[in-house]
Amino acid sequence: MNITKEKRLKRLKRHKGLRKKVIGNQDRPRLSVFRSLTNLYCQLIDDSSGKTLASASTLSKDLKGKLTYGGNTKAAEMVGVKIAEEAKKIGITKVVFDKGGYKFHGRVKALAESARANDLIF
C-alpha cells in the first residue's frame, strides 16, 4: 500500500468517527468541507432529510474567474465568503462544522474563519 492511499484511508477513518458526533438538521445544517490538491469544496447539508441546501467551491462560476489557483488559502477564504452568502440567502445563520477528517489548519481553517467573519455562527 502506498503512502497516499494509506493517508486517505486514515482520513476517512477519522471522518467516519467525526460523523457519528456531528449531525446537521434543518435549523443548523452541517458545513462539510472537502479539499483536493487543486480545489476546495463545501456544502451545507441537512442530514435529517439527506439534502444539500447550498454549496460553494473553487470551481463555482463566479469564483473560477477570480482565482488563478484553487488550492491555496486565498481561494479557501473566498469559498468561505461564498458559502456564508449562500447561507444568508436561504436564511441560515448557525451551522455545525464538519472538517472532513482534516486538521483544523491551513485551507480548512481559512475557510472556517472567513465564513465566521461573514456572520456564520459555528
PDB file of N, CA and C in Angstrom:
ATOM      1  N   MET A   1       0.857  -1.177   0.000  1.00  0.00           N
ATOM      2  CA  MET A   1       0.000   0.000   0.000  1.00  0.00           C
ATOM      3  C   MET A   1       0.902   1.238   0.000  1.00  0.00           C
ATOM      4  N   ASN A   2       0.648   2.145  -0.931  1.00  0.00           N
ATOM      5  CA  ASN A   2       1.479   3.349  -0.980  1.00  0.00           C
ATOM      6  C   ASN A   2       1.027   4.374   0.059  1.00  0.00           C
ATOM      7  N   ILE A   3       1.847   5.376   0.267  1.00  0.00           N
ATOM      8  CA  ILE A   3       1.627   6.335   1.353  1.00  0.00           C
ATOM      9  C   ILE A   3       0.363   7.176   1.125  1.00  0.00           C
ATOM     10  N   THR A   4       0.063   7.534  -0.108  1.00  0.00           N
ATOM     11  CA  THR A   4      -1.116   8.374  -0.340  1.00  0.00           C
ATOM     12  C   THR A   4      -2.397   7.611  -0.066  1.00  0.00           C
ATOM     13  N   LYS A   5      -2.445   6.339  -0.427  1.00  0.00           N
ATOM     14  CA  LYS A   5      -3.635   5.544  -0.147  1.00  0.00           C
ATOM     15  C   LYS A   5      -3.801   5.359   1.356  1.00  0.00           C
ATOM     16  N   GLU A   6      -2.694   5.147   2.046  1.00  0.00           N
ATOM     17  CA  GLU A   6      -2.729   4.974   3.495  1.00  0.00           C
ATOM     18  C   GLU A   6      -3.213   6.256   4.181  1.00  0.00           C
ATOM     19  N   LYS A   7      -2.721   7.412   3.733  1.00  0.00           N
ATOM     20  CA  LYS A   7      -3.150   8.685   4.314  1.00  0.00           C
ATOM     21  C   LYS A   7      -4.639   8.916   4.076  1.00  0.00           C
ATOM     22  N   ARG A   8      -5.110   8.582   2.873  1.00  0.00           N
ATOM     23  CA  ARG A   8      -6.527   8.765   2.536  1.00  0.00           C
ATOM     24  C   ARG A   8      -7.404   7.881   3.413  1.00  0.00           C
ATOM     25  N   LEU A   9      -6.988   6.638   3.622  1.00  0.00           N
ATOM     26  CA  LEU A   9      -7.765   5.725   4.458  1.00  0.00           C
ATOM     27  C   LEU A   9      -7.808   6.189   5.912  1.00  0.00           C
ATOM     28  N   LYS A  10      -6.695   6.735   6.409  1.00  0.00           N
ATOM     29  CA  LYS A  10      -6.683   7.264   7.774  1.00  0.00           C
ATOM     30  C   LYS A  10      -7.617   8.459   7.908  1.00  0.00           C
ATOM     31  N   ARG A  11      -7.624   9.348   6.902  1.00  0.00           N
ATOM     32  CA  ARG A  11      -8.522  10.493   6.927  1.00  0.00           C
ATOM     33  C   ARG A  11      -9.977  10.042   6.916  1.00  0.00           C
ATOM     34  N   LEU A  12     -10.304   9.063   6.082  1.00  0.00           N
ATOM     35  CA  LEU A  12     -11.671   8.556   6.013  1.00  0.00           C
ATOM     36  C   LEU A  12     -12.097   7.924   7.335  1.00  0.00           C
ATOM     37  N   LYS A  13     -11.163   7.268   8.022  1.00  0.00           N
ATOM     38  CA  LYS A  13     -11.465   6.684   9.326  1.00  0.00           C
ATOM     39  C   LYS A  13     -11.755   7.782  10.358  1.00  0.00           C
ATOM     40  N   ARG A  14     -10.937   8.856  10.342  1.00  0.00           N
ATOM     41  CA  ARG A  14     -11.181   9.985  11.253  1.00  0.00           C
ATOM     42  C   ARG A  14     -12.526  10.635  10.943  1.00  0.00           C
ATOM     43  N   HIS A  15     -12.829  10.790   9.661  1.00  0.00           N
ATOM     44  CA  HIS A  15     -14.087  11.424   9.259  1.00  0.00           C
ATOM     45  C   HIS A  15     -15.281  10.574   9.687  1.00  0.00           C
ATOM     46  N   LYS A  16     -15.168   9.274   9.583  1.00  0.00           N
ATOM     47  CA  LYS A  16     -16.244   8.378   9.987  1.00  0.00           C
ATOM     48  C   LYS A  16     -16.545   8.526  11.479  1.00  0.00           C
ATOM     49  N   GLY A  17     -15.500   8.633  12.294  1.00  0.00           N
ATOM     50  CA  GLY A  17     -15.690   8.834  13.728  1.00  0.00           C
ATOM     51  C   GLY A  17     -16.295  10.186  14.035  1.00  0.00           C
ATOM     52  N   LEU A  18     -15.879  11.186  13.297  1.00  0.00           N
ATOM     53  CA  LEU A  18     -16.404  12.534  13.485  1.00  0.00           C
ATOM     54  C   LEU A  18     -17.878  12.616  13.111  1.00  0.00           C
ATOM     55  N   ARG A  19     -18.277  11.898  12.058  1.00  0.00           N
ATOM     56  CA  ARG A  19     -19.649  11.944  11.573  1.00  0.00           C
ATOM     57  C   ARG A  19     -20.636  11.318  12.554  1.00  0.00           C
ATOM     58  N   LYS A  20     -20.146  10.488  13.470  1.00  0.00           N
ATOM     59  CA  LYS A  20     -21.027   9.922  14.494  1.00  0.00           C
ATOM     60  C   LYS A  20     -21.501  11.014  15.454  1.00  0.00           C
ATOM     61  N   LYS A  21     -20.684  12.045  15.620  1.00  0.00           N
ATOM     62  CA  LYS A  21     -20.979  13.106  16.579  1.00  0.00           C
ATOM     63  C   LYS A  21     -21.575  14.343  15.929  1.00  0.00           C
ATOM     64  N   VAL A  22     -21.182  14.652  14.702  1.00  0.00           N
ATOM     65  CA  VAL A  22     -21.600  15.881  14.030  1.00  0.00           C
ATOM     66  C   VAL A  22     -22.767  15.577  13.100  1.00  0.00           C
ATOM     67  N   ILE A  23     -23.950  16.070  13.480  1.00  0.00           N
ATOM     68  CA  ILE A  23     -25.155  15.824  12.691  1.00  0.00           C
ATOM     69  C   ILE A  23     -25.839  17.158  12.434  1.00  0.00           C
ATOM     70  N   GLY A  24     -26.198  17.410  11.188  1.00  0.00           N
ATOM     71  CA  GLY A  24     -26.879  18.644  10.825  1.00  0.00           C
ATOM     72  C   GLY A  24     -28.371  18.428  10.698  1.00  0.00           C
ATOM     73  N   ASN A  25     -29.151  19.483  10.924  1.00  0.00           N
ATOM     74  CA  ASN A  25     -30.600  19.427  10.720  1.00  0.00           C
ATOM     75  C   ASN A  25     -31.044  20.672   9.966  1.00  0.00           C
ATOM     76  N   GLN A  26     -32.338  20.857   9.823  1.00  0.00           N
ATOM     77  CA  GLN A  26     -32.859  21.982   9.039  1.00  0.00           C
ATOM     78  C   GLN A  26     -32.472  23.330   9.644  1.00  0.00           C
ATOM     79  N   ASP A  27     -32.521  23.439  10.974  1.00  0.00           N
ATOM     80  CA  ASP A  27     -32.205  24.704  11.638  1.00  0.00           C
ATOM     81  C   ASP A  27     -30.709  24.973  11.697  1.00  0.00           C
ATOM     82  N   ARG A  28     -29.933  23.915  11.847  1.00  0.00           N
ATOM     83  CA  ARG A  28     -28.483  24.050  11.972  1.00  0.00           C
ATOM     84  C   ARG A  28     -27.803  22.981  11.104  1.00  0.00           C
ATOM     85  N   PRO A  29     -27.663  23.249   9.810  1.00  0.00           N
ATOM     86  CA  PRO A  29     -27.090  22.238   8.913  1.00  0.00           C
ATOM     87  C   PRO A  29     -25.595  22.037   9.132  1.00  0.00           C
ATOM     88  N   ARG A  30     -25.089  20.974   8.548  1.00  0.00           N
ATOM     89  CA  ARG A  30     -23.679  20.624   8.656  1.00  0.00           C
ATOM     90  C   ARG A  30     -22.917  21.279   7.513  1.00  0.00           C
ATOM     91  N   LEU A  31     -21.858  22.019   7.853  1.00  0.00           N
ATOM     92  CA  LEU A  31     -20.978  22.616   6.853  1.00  0.00           C
ATOM     93  C   LEU A  31     -19.836  21.630   6.621  1.00  0.00           C
ATOM     94  N   SER A  32     -19.936  20.879   5.530  1.00  0.00           N
ATOM     95  CA  SER A  32     -18.979  19.833   5.220  1.00  0.00           C
ATOM     96  C   SER A  32     -17.909  20.369   4.277  1.00  0.00           C
ATOM     97  N   VAL A  33     -16.638  20.038   4.558  1.00  0.00           N
ATOM     98  CA  VAL A  33     -15.516  20.528   3.769  1.00  0.00           C
ATOM     99  C   VAL A  33     -14.780  19.344   3.144  1.00  0.00           C
ATOM    100  N   PHE A  34     -14.447  19.476   1.861  1.00  0.00           N
ATOM    101  CA  PHE A  34     -13.587  18.507   1.184  1.00  0.00           C
ATOM    102  C   PHE A  34     -12.524  19.283   0.426  1.00  0.00           C
ATOM    103  N   ARG A  35     -11.296  18.844   0.538  1.00  0.00           N
ATOM    104  CA  ARG A  35     -10.224  19.514  -0.183  1.00  0.00           C
ATOM    105  C   ARG A  35      -9.475  18.498  -1.033  1.00  0.00           C
ATOM    106  N   SER A  36      -9.132  18.926  -2.223  1.00  0.00           N
ATOM    107  CA  SER A  36      -8.255  18.139  -3.075  1.00  0.00           C
ATOM    108  C   SER A  36      -6.974  18.942  -3.233  1.00  0.00           C
ATOM    109  N   LEU A  37      -6.058  18.468  -4.024  1.00  0.00           N
ATOM    110  CA  LEU A  37      -4.811  19.203  -4.192  1.00  0.00           C
ATOM    111  C   LEU A  37      -5.030  20.537  -4.898  1.00  0.00           C
ATOM    112  N   THR A  38      -5.993  20.576  -5.810  1.00  0.00           N
ATOM    113  CA  THR A  38      -6.176  21.772  -6.626  1.00  0.00           C
ATOM    114  C   THR A  38      -7.444  22.549  -6.336  1.00  0.00           C
ATOM    115  N   ASN A  39      -8.380  22.008  -5.569  1.00  0.00           N
ATOM    116  CA  ASN A  39      -9.651  22.686  -5.324  1.00  0.00           C
ATOM    117  C   ASN A  39     -10.149  22.444  -3.912  1.00  0.00           C
ATOM    118  N   LEU A  40     -11.177  23.211  -3.537  1.00  0.00           N
ATOM    119  CA  LEU A  40     -11.787  23.115  -2.226  1.00  0.00           C
ATOM    120  C   LEU A  40     -13.300  23.177  -2.413  1.00  0.00           C
ATOM    121  N   TYR A  41     -14.017  22.316  -1.722  1.00  0.00           N
ATOM    122  CA  TYR A  41     -15.459  22.223  -1.869  1.00  0.00           C
ATOM    123  C   TYR A  41     -16.097  22.262  -0.489  1.00  0.00           C
ATOM    124  N   CYS A  42     -17.265  22.900  -0.366  1.00  0.00           N
ATOM    125  CA  CYS A  42     -18.011  22.840   0.893  1.00  0.00           C
ATOM    126  C   CYS A  42     -19.501  22.830   0.588  1.00  0.00           C
ATOM    127  N   GLN A  43     -20.265  22.227   1.506  1.00  0.00           N
ATOM    128  CA  GLN A  43     -21.703  22.094   1.351  1.00  0.00           C
ATOM    129  C   GLN A  43     -22.390  22.314   2.682  1.00  0.00           C
ATOM    130  N   LEU A  44     -23.602  22.834   2.627  1.00  0.00           N
ATOM    131  CA  LEU A  44     -24.483  22.879   3.787  1.00  0.00           C
ATOM    132  C   LEU A  44     -25.464  21.730   3.617  1.00  0.00           C
ATOM    133  N   ILE A  45     -25.438  20.781   4.553  1.00  0.00           N
ATOM    134  CA  ILE A  45     -26.200  19.549   4.402  1.00  0.00           C
ATOM    135  C   ILE A  45     -27.181  19.381   5.562  1.00  0.00           C
ATOM    136  N   ASP A  46     -28.438  19.060   5.234  1.00  0.00           N
ATOM    137  CA  ASP A  46     -29.453  18.699   6.209  1.00  0.00           C
ATOM    138  C   ASP A  46     -29.464  17.177   6.287  1.00  0.00           C
ATOM    139  N   ASP A  47     -28.892  16.610   7.348  1.00  0.00           N
ATOM    140  CA  ASP A  47     -28.767  15.154   7.456  1.00  0.00           C
ATOM    141  C   ASP A  47     -30.100  14.471   7.739  1.00  0.00           C
ATOM    142  N   SER A  48     -31.053  15.167   8.340  1.00  0.00           N
ATOM    143  CA  SER A  48     -32.334  14.534   8.638  1.00  0.00           C
ATOM    144  C   SER A  48     -33.102  14.198   7.361  1.00  0.00           C
ATOM    145  N   SER A  49     -32.999  15.049   6.328  1.00  0.00           N
ATOM    146  CA  SER A  49     -33.665  14.760   5.062  1.00  0.00           C
ATOM    147  C   SER A  49     -32.689  14.285   3.987  1.00  0.00           C
ATOM    148  N   GLY A  50     -31.383  14.381   4.258  1.00  0.00           N
ATOM    149  CA  GLY A  50     -30.381  13.924   3.308  1.00  0.00           C
ATOM    150  C   GLY A  50     -30.231  14.823   2.099  1.00  0.00           C
ATOM    151  N   LYS A  51     -30.456  16.119   2.279  1.00  0.00           N
ATOM    152  CA  LYS A  51     -30.394  17.051   1.158  1.00  0.00           C
ATOM    153  C   LYS A  51     -29.288  18.088   1.350  1.00  0.00           C
ATOM    154  N   THR A  52     -28.697  18.483   0.234  1.00  0.00           N
ATOM    155  CA  THR A  52     -27.735  19.574   0.239  1.00  0.00           C
ATOM    156  C   THR A  52     -28.501  20.877   0.063  1.00  0.00           C
ATOM    157  N   LEU A  53     -28.353  21.802   1.000  1.00  0.00           N
ATOM    158  CA  LEU A  53     -29.078  23.065   0.960  1.00  0.00           C
ATOM    159  C   LEU A  53     -28.348  24.114   0.140  1.00  0.00           C
ATOM    160  N   ALA A  54     -27.030  24.128   0.220  1.00  0.00           N
ATOM    161  CA  ALA A  54     -26.222  25.090  -0.537  1.00  0.00           C
ATOM    162  C   ALA A  54     -24.820  24.523  -0.689  1.00  0.00           C
ATOM    163  N   SER A  55     -24.116  25.014  -1.702  1.00  0.00           N
ATOM    164  CA  SER A  55     -22.739  24.564  -1.890  1.00  0.00           C
ATOM    165  C   SER A  55     -21.910  25.680  -2.489  1.00  0.00           C
ATOM    166  N   ALA A  56     -20.608  25.567  -2.307  1.00  0.00           N
ATOM    167  CA  ALA A  56     -19.661  26.517  -2.893  1.00  0.00           C
ATOM    168  C   ALA A  56     -18.344  25.786  -3.092  1.00  0.00           C
ATOM    169  N   SER A  57     -17.631  26.166  -4.121  1.00  0.00           N
ATOM    170  CA  SER A  57     -16.323  25.566  -4.357  1.00  0.00           C
ATOM    171  C   SER A  57     -15.479  26.517  -5.188  1.00  0.00           C
ATOM    172  N   THR A  58     -14.225  26.165  -5.330  1.00  0.00           N
ATOM    173  CA  THR A  58     -13.340  26.974  -6.158  1.00  0.00           C
ATOM    174  C   THR A  58     -13.677  26.809  -7.635  1.00  0.00           C
ATOM    175  N   LEU A  59     -14.528  25.857  -7.959  1.00  0.00           N
ATOM    176  CA  LEU A  59     -14.962  25.652  -9.344  1.00  0.00           C
ATOM    177  C   LEU A  59     -16.283  26.345  -9.656  1.00  0.00           C
ATOM    178  N   SER A  60     -16.862  27.060  -8.675  1.00  0.00           N
ATOM    179  CA  SER A  60     -18.089  27.813  -8.913  1.00  0.00           C
ATOM    180  C   SER A  60     -17.849  28.858  -9.995  1.00  0.00           C
ATOM    181  N   LYS A  61     -18.859  29.123 -10.803  1.00  0.00           N
ATOM    182  CA  LYS A  61     -18.696  30.030 -11.944  1.00  0.00           C
ATOM    183  C   LYS A  61     -18.209  31.413 -11.534  1.00  0.00           C
ATOM    184  N   ASP A  62     -18.772  31.972 -10.464  1.00  0.00           N
ATOM    185  CA  ASP A  62     -18.382  33.327 -10.068  1.00  0.00           C
ATOM    186  C   ASP A  62     -17.005  33.386  -9.399  1.00  0.00           C
ATOM    187  N   LEU A  63     -16.532  32.282  -8.823  1.00  0.00           N
ATOM    188  CA  LEU A  63     -15.205  32.280  -8.198  1.00  0.00           C
ATOM    189  C   LEU A  63     -14.102  31.851  -9.166  1.00  0.00           C
ATOM    190  N   LYS A  64     -14.438  31.017 -10.120  1.00  0.00           N
ATOM    191  CA  LYS A  64     -13.432  30.455 -11.011  1.00  0.00           C
ATOM    192  C   LYS A  64     -12.687  31.538 -11.800  1.00  0.00           C
ATOM    193  N   GLY A  65     -13.398  32.601 -12.203  1.00  0.00           N
ATOM    194  CA  GLY A  65     -12.750  33.675 -12.947  1.00  0.00           C
ATOM    195  C   GLY A  65     -11.844  34.539 -12.103  1.00  0.00           C
ATOM    196  N   LYS A  66     -12.096  34.608 -10.785  1.00  0.00           N
ATOM    197  CA  LYS A  66     -11.312  35.449  -9.888  1.00  0.00           C
ATOM    198  C   LYS A  66     -10.041  34.767  -9.397  1.00  0.00           C
ATOM    199  N   LEU A  67      -9.990  33.432  -9.473  1.00  0.00           N
ATOM    200  CA  LEU A  67      -8.880  32.674  -8.902  1.00  0.00           C
ATOM    201  C   LEU A  67      -7.894  32.232  -9.972  1.00  0.00           C
ATOM    202  N   THR A  68      -6.626  32.313  -9.640  1.00  0.00           N
ATOM    203  CA  THR A  68      -5.615  31.752 -10.530  1.00  0.00           C
ATOM    204  C   THR A  68      -5.351  30.297 -10.172  1.00  0.00           C
ATOM    205  N   TYR A  69      -5.499  29.955  -8.880  1.00  0.00           N
ATOM    206  CA  TYR A  69      -5.279  28.595  -8.408  1.00  0.00           C
ATOM    207  C   TYR A  69      -6.259  28.334  -7.270  1.00  0.00           C
ATOM    208  N   GLY A  70      -6.927  27.215  -7.282  1.00  0.00           N
ATOM    209  CA  GLY A  70      -7.962  26.919  -6.298  1.00  0.00           C
ATOM    210  C   GLY A  70      -7.496  26.155  -5.078  1.00  0.00           C
ATOM    211  N   GLY A  71      -6.217  25.849  -4.969  1.00  0.00           N
ATOM    212  CA  GLY A  71      -5.748  25.026  -3.868  1.00  0.00           C
ATOM    213  C   GLY A  71      -4.940  25.763  -2.833  1.00  0.00           C
ATOM    214  N   ASN A  72      -5.199  27.067  -2.629  1.00  0.00           N
ATOM    215  CA  ASN A  72      -4.435  27.804  -1.619  1.00  0.00           C
ATOM    216  C   ASN A  72      -5.384  28.467  -0.619  1.00  0.00           C
ATOM    217  N   THR A  73      -4.823  29.135   0.400  1.00  0.00           N
ATOM    218  CA  THR A  73      -5.648  29.713   1.455  1.00  0.00           C
ATOM    219  C   THR A  73      -6.455  30.915   0.968  1.00  0.00           C
ATOM    220  N   LYS A  74      -5.944  31.648  -0.001  1.00  0.00           N
ATOM    221  CA  LYS A  74      -6.706  32.770  -0.553  1.00  0.00           C
ATOM    222  C   LYS A  74      -7.997  32.266  -1.201  1.00  0.00           C
ATOM    223  N   ALA A  75      -7.901  31.175  -1.917  1.00  0.00           N
ATOM    224  CA  ALA A  75      -9.079  30.566  -2.531  1.00  0.00           C
ATOM    225  C   ALA A  75     -10.031  30.054  -1.453  1.00  0.00           C
ATOM    226  N   ALA A  76      -9.495  29.487  -0.376  1.00  0.00           N
ATOM    227  CA  ALA A  76     -10.327  28.977   0.714  1.00  0.00           C
ATOM    228  C   ALA A  76     -11.095  30.111   1.388  1.00  0.00           C
ATOM    229  N   GLU A  77     -10.464  31.258   1.550  1.00  0.00           N
ATOM    230  CA  GLU A  77     -11.154  32.410   2.130  1.00  0.00           C
ATOM    231  C   GLU A  77     -12.317  32.848   1.248  1.00  0.00           C
ATOM    232  N   MET A  78     -12.106  32.848  -0.053  1.00  0.00           N
ATOM    233  CA  MET A  78     -13.168  33.248  -0.970  1.00  0.00           C
ATOM    234  C   MET A  78     -14.329  32.254  -0.959  1.00  0.00           C
ATOM    235  N   VAL A  79     -14.034  30.969  -0.815  1.00  0.00           N
ATOM    236  CA  VAL A  79     -15.083  29.956  -0.727  1.00  0.00           C
ATOM    237  C   VAL A  79     -15.850  30.129   0.584  1.00  0.00           C
ATOM    238  N   GLY A  80     -15.165  30.479   1.671  1.00  0.00           N
ATOM    239  CA  GLY A  80     -15.837  30.741   2.945  1.00  0.00           C
ATOM    240  C   GLY A  80     -16.800  31.903   2.853  1.00  0.00           C
ATOM    241  N   VAL A  81     -16.399  32.953   2.163  1.00  0.00           N
ATOM    242  CA  VAL A  81     -17.288  34.107   1.956  1.00  0.00           C
ATOM    243  C   VAL A  81     -18.502  33.685   1.124  1.00  0.00           C
ATOM    244  N   LYS A  82     -18.257  32.898   0.081  1.00  0.00           N
ATOM    245  CA  LYS A  82     -19.327  32.461  -0.816  1.00  0.00           C
ATOM    246  C   LYS A  82     -20.342  31.579  -0.099  1.00  0.00           C
ATOM    247  N   ILE A  83     -19.881  30.641   0.728  1.00  0.00           N
ATOM    248  CA  ILE A  83     -20.824  29.757   1.427  1.00  0.00           C
ATOM    249  C   ILE A  83     -21.612  30.534   2.474  1.00  0.00           C
ATOM    250  N   ALA A  84     -21.011  31.553   3.087  1.00  0.00           N
ATOM    251  CA  ALA A  84     -21.736  32.401   4.039  1.00  0.00           C
ATOM    252  C   ALA A  84     -22.827  33.198   3.318  1.00  0.00           C
ATOM    253  N   GLU A  85     -22.536  33.694   2.126  1.00  0.00           N
ATOM    254  CA  GLU A  85     -23.546  34.400   1.330  1.00  0.00           C
ATOM    255  C   GLU A  85     -24.694  33.476   0.944  1.00  0.00           C
ATOM    256  N   GLU A  86     -24.366  32.263   0.526  1.00  0.00           N
ATOM    257  CA  GLU A  86     -25.396  31.288   0.145  1.00  0.00           C
ATOM    258  C   GLU A  86     -26.273  30.940   1.355  1.00  0.00           C
ATOM    259  N   ALA A  87     -25.660  30.817   2.534  1.00  0.00           N
ATOM    260  CA  ALA A  87     -26.419  30.514   3.744  1.00  0.00           C
ATOM    261  C   ALA A  87     -27.367  31.655   4.093  1.00  0.00           C
ATOM    262  N   LYS A  88     -26.916  32.897   3.938  1.00  0.00           N
ATOM    263  CA  LYS A  88     -27.774  34.047   4.211  1.00  0.00           C
ATOM    264  C   LYS A  88     -28.977  34.072   3.277  1.00  0.00           C
ATOM    265  N   LYS A  89     -28.761  33.704   2.018  1.00  0.00           N
ATOM    266  CA  LYS A  89     -29.857  33.696   1.038  1.00  0.00           C
ATOM    267  C   LYS A  89     -30.983  32.764   1.443  1.00  0.00           C
ATOM    268  N   ILE A  90     -30.634  31.629   2.057  1.00  0.00           N
ATOM    269  CA  ILE A  90     -31.671  30.673   2.444  1.00  0.00           C
ATOM    270  C   ILE A  90     -32.059  30.797   3.923  1.00  0.00           C
ATOM    271  N   GLY A  91     -31.535  31.825   4.594  1.00  0.00           N
ATOM    272  CA  GLY A  91     -31.949  32.127   5.960  1.00  0.00           C
ATOM    273  C   GLY A  91     -31.255  31.311   7.041  1.00  0.00           C
ATOM    274  N   ILE A  92     -30.049  30.884   6.812  1.00  0.00           N
ATOM    275  CA  ILE A  92     -29.305  30.094   7.801  1.00  0.00           C
ATOM    276  C   ILE A  92     -28.203  30.954   8.406  1.00  0.00           C
ATOM    277  N   THR A  93     -28.142  30.971   9.749  1.00  0.00           N
ATOM    278  CA  THR A  93     -27.090  31.720  10.432  1.00  0.00           C
ATOM    279  C   THR A  93     -26.189  30.819  11.268  1.00  0.00           C
ATOM    280  N   LYS A  94     -26.706  29.648  11.698  1.00  0.00           N
ATOM    281  CA  LYS A  94     -25.933  28.737  12.535  1.00  0.00           C
ATOM    282  C   LYS A  94     -25.689  27.433  11.794  1.00  0.00           C
ATOM    283  N   VAL A  95     -24.454  26.924  11.904  1.00  0.00           N
ATOM    284  CA  VAL A  95     -24.093  25.657  11.274  1.00  0.00           C
ATOM    285  C   VAL A  95     -23.254  24.814  12.231  1.00  0.00           C
ATOM    286  N   VAL A  96     -23.119  23.535  11.917  1.00  0.00           N
ATOM    287  CA  VAL A  96     -22.227  22.626  12.612  1.00  0.00           C
ATOM    288  C   VAL A  96     -21.079  22.365  11.655  1.00  0.00           C
ATOM    289  N   PHE A  97     -19.835  22.552  12.097  1.00  0.00           N
ATOM    290  CA  PHE A  97     -18.686  22.450  11.209  1.00  0.00           C
ATOM    291  C   PHE A  97     -18.163  21.023  11.157  1.00  0.00           C
ATOM    292  N   ASP A  98     -18.075  20.481   9.951  1.00  0.00           N
ATOM    293  CA  ASP A  98     -17.536  19.147   9.704  1.00  0.00           C
ATOM    294  C   ASP A  98     -16.266  19.318   8.884  1.00  0.00           C
ATOM    295  N   LYS A  99     -15.121  19.167   9.534  1.00  0.00           N
ATOM    296  CA  LYS A  99     -13.851  19.416   8.855  1.00  0.00           C
ATOM    297  C   LYS A  99     -13.397  18.245   7.999  1.00  0.00           C
ATOM    298  N   GLY A 100     -14.183  17.201   7.912  1.00  0.00           N
ATOM    299  CA  GLY A 100     -13.928  16.110   6.978  1.00  0.00           C
ATOM    300  C   GLY A 100     -12.731  15.245   7.296  1.00  0.00           C
ATOM    301  N   GLY A 101     -12.313  15.188   8.544  1.00  0.00           N
ATOM    302  CA  GLY A 101     -11.166  14.370   8.909  1.00  0.00           C
ATOM    303  C   GLY A 101      -9.834  15.077   8.719  1.00  0.00           C
ATOM    304  N   TYR A 102      -9.861  16.333   8.279  1.00  0.00           N
ATOM    305  CA  TYR A 102      -8.629  17.097   8.088  1.00  0.00           C
ATOM    306  C   TYR A 102      -8.289  17.837   9.375  1.00  0.00           C
ATOM    307  N   LYS A 103      -7.032  18.240   9.511  1.00  0.00           N
ATOM    308  CA  LYS A 103      -6.633  19.079  10.634  1.00  0.00           C
ATOM    309  C   LYS A 103      -7.246  20.463  10.450  1.00  0.00           C
ATOM    310  N   PHE A 104      -7.550  21.127  11.563  1.00  0.00           N
ATOM    311  CA  PHE A 104      -8.054  22.495  11.505  1.00  0.00           C
ATOM    312  C   PHE A 104      -6.854  23.415  11.333  1.00  0.00           C
ATOM    313  N   HIS A 105      -6.374  23.469  10.113  1.00  0.00           N
ATOM    314  CA  HIS A 105      -5.141  24.174   9.811  1.00  0.00           C
ATOM    315  C   HIS A 105      -5.128  24.501   8.329  1.00  0.00           C
ATOM    316  N   GLY A 106      -4.485  25.567   7.950  1.00  0.00           N
ATOM    317  CA  GLY A 106      -4.315  25.888   6.536  1.00  0.00           C
ATOM    318  C   GLY A 106      -5.603  26.264   5.839  1.00  0.00           C
ATOM    319  N   ARG A 107      -5.933  25.559   4.757  1.00  0.00           N
ATOM    320  CA  ARG A 107      -7.103  25.896   3.946  1.00  0.00           C
ATOM    321  C   ARG A 107      -8.412  25.689   4.690  1.00  0.00           C
ATOM    322  N   VAL A 108      -8.493  24.634   5.497  1.00  0.00           N
ATOM    323  CA  VAL A 108      -9.719  24.368   6.251  1.00  0.00           C
ATOM    324  C   VAL A 108      -9.959  25.484   7.261  1.00  0.00           C
ATOM    325  N   LYS A 109      -8.915  25.912   7.939  1.00  0.00           N
ATOM    326  CA  LYS A 109      -9.016  26.992   8.919  1.00  0.00           C
ATOM    327  C   LYS A 109      -9.363  28.316   8.235  1.00  0.00           C
ATOM    328  N   ALA A 110      -8.762  28.582   7.084  1.00  0.00           N
ATOM    329  CA  ALA A 110      -9.039  29.824   6.347  1.00  0.00           C
ATOM    330  C   ALA A 110     -10.501  29.881   5.914  1.00  0.00           C
ATOM    331  N   LEU A 111     -11.037  28.765   5.453  1.00  0.00           N
ATOM    332  CA  LEU A 111     -12.449  28.716   5.059  1.00  0.00           C
ATOM    333  C   LEU A 111     -13.343  28.985   6.263  1.00  0.00           C
ATOM    334  N   ALA A 112     -13.062  28.321   7.386  1.00  0.00           N
ATOM    335  CA  ALA A 112     -13.887  28.481   8.588  1.00  0.00           C
ATOM    336  C   ALA A 112     -13.851  29.915   9.108  1.00  0.00           C
ATOM    337  N   GLU A 113     -12.663  30.506   9.159  1.00  0.00           N
ATOM    338  CA  GLU A 113     -12.543  31.863   9.692  1.00  0.00           C
ATOM    339  C   GLU A 113     -13.212  32.896   8.784  1.00  0.00           C
ATOM    340  N   SER A 114     -13.134  32.718   7.477  1.00  0.00           N
ATOM    341  CA  SER A 114     -13.796  33.674   6.584  1.00  0.00           C
ATOM    342  C   SER A 114     -15.308  33.516   6.635  1.00  0.00           C
ATOM    343  N   ALA A 115     -15.790  32.295   6.844  1.00  0.00           N
ATOM    344  CA  ALA A 115     -17.239  32.095   6.997  1.00  0.00           C
ATOM    345  C   ALA A 115     -17.716  32.730   8.298  1.00  0.00           C
ATOM    346  N   ARG A 116     -16.929  32.588   9.361  1.00  0.00           N
ATOM    347  CA  ARG A 116     -17.280  33.218  10.641  1.00  0.00           C
ATOM    348  C   ARG A 116     -17.258  34.740  10.531  1.00  0.00           C
ATOM    349  N   ALA A 117     -16.294  35.266   9.805  1.00  0.00           N
ATOM    350  CA  ALA A 117     -16.192  36.723   9.639  1.00  0.00           C
ATOM    351  C   ALA A 117     -17.379  37.286   8.858  1.00  0.00           C
ATOM    352  N   ASN A 118     -18.043  36.449   8.085  1.00  0.00           N
ATOM    353  CA  ASN A 118     -19.210  36.869   7.323  1.00  0.00           C
ATOM    354  C   ASN A 118     -20.508  36.396   7.981  1.00  0.00           C
ATOM    355  N   ASP A 119     -20.529  36.394   9.322  1.00  0.00           N
ATOM    356  CA  ASP A 119     -21.714  36.190  10.150  1.00  0.00           C
ATOM    357  C   ASP A 119     -22.299  34.785  10.123  1.00  0.00           C
ATOM    358  N   LEU A 120     -21.484  33.773   9.883  1.00  0.00           N
ATOM    359  CA  LEU A 120     -21.944  32.392  10.002  1.00  0.00           C
ATOM    360  C   LEU A 120     -21.456  31.885  11.354  1.00  0.00           C
ATOM    361  N   ILE A 121     -22.361  31.411  12.183  1.00  0.00           N
ATOM    362  CA  ILE A 121     -22.043  31.006  13.559  1.00  0.00           C
ATOM    363  C   ILE A 121     -21.829  29.505  13.629  1.00  0.00           C
ATOM    364  N   PHE A 122     -20.678  29.101  14.193  1.00  0.00           N
ATOM    365  CA  PHE A 122     -20.372  27.677  14.362  1.00  0.00           C
ATOM    366  C   PHE A 122     -20.680  27.267  15.773  1.00  0.00           C
TER     367      PHE A 122
END
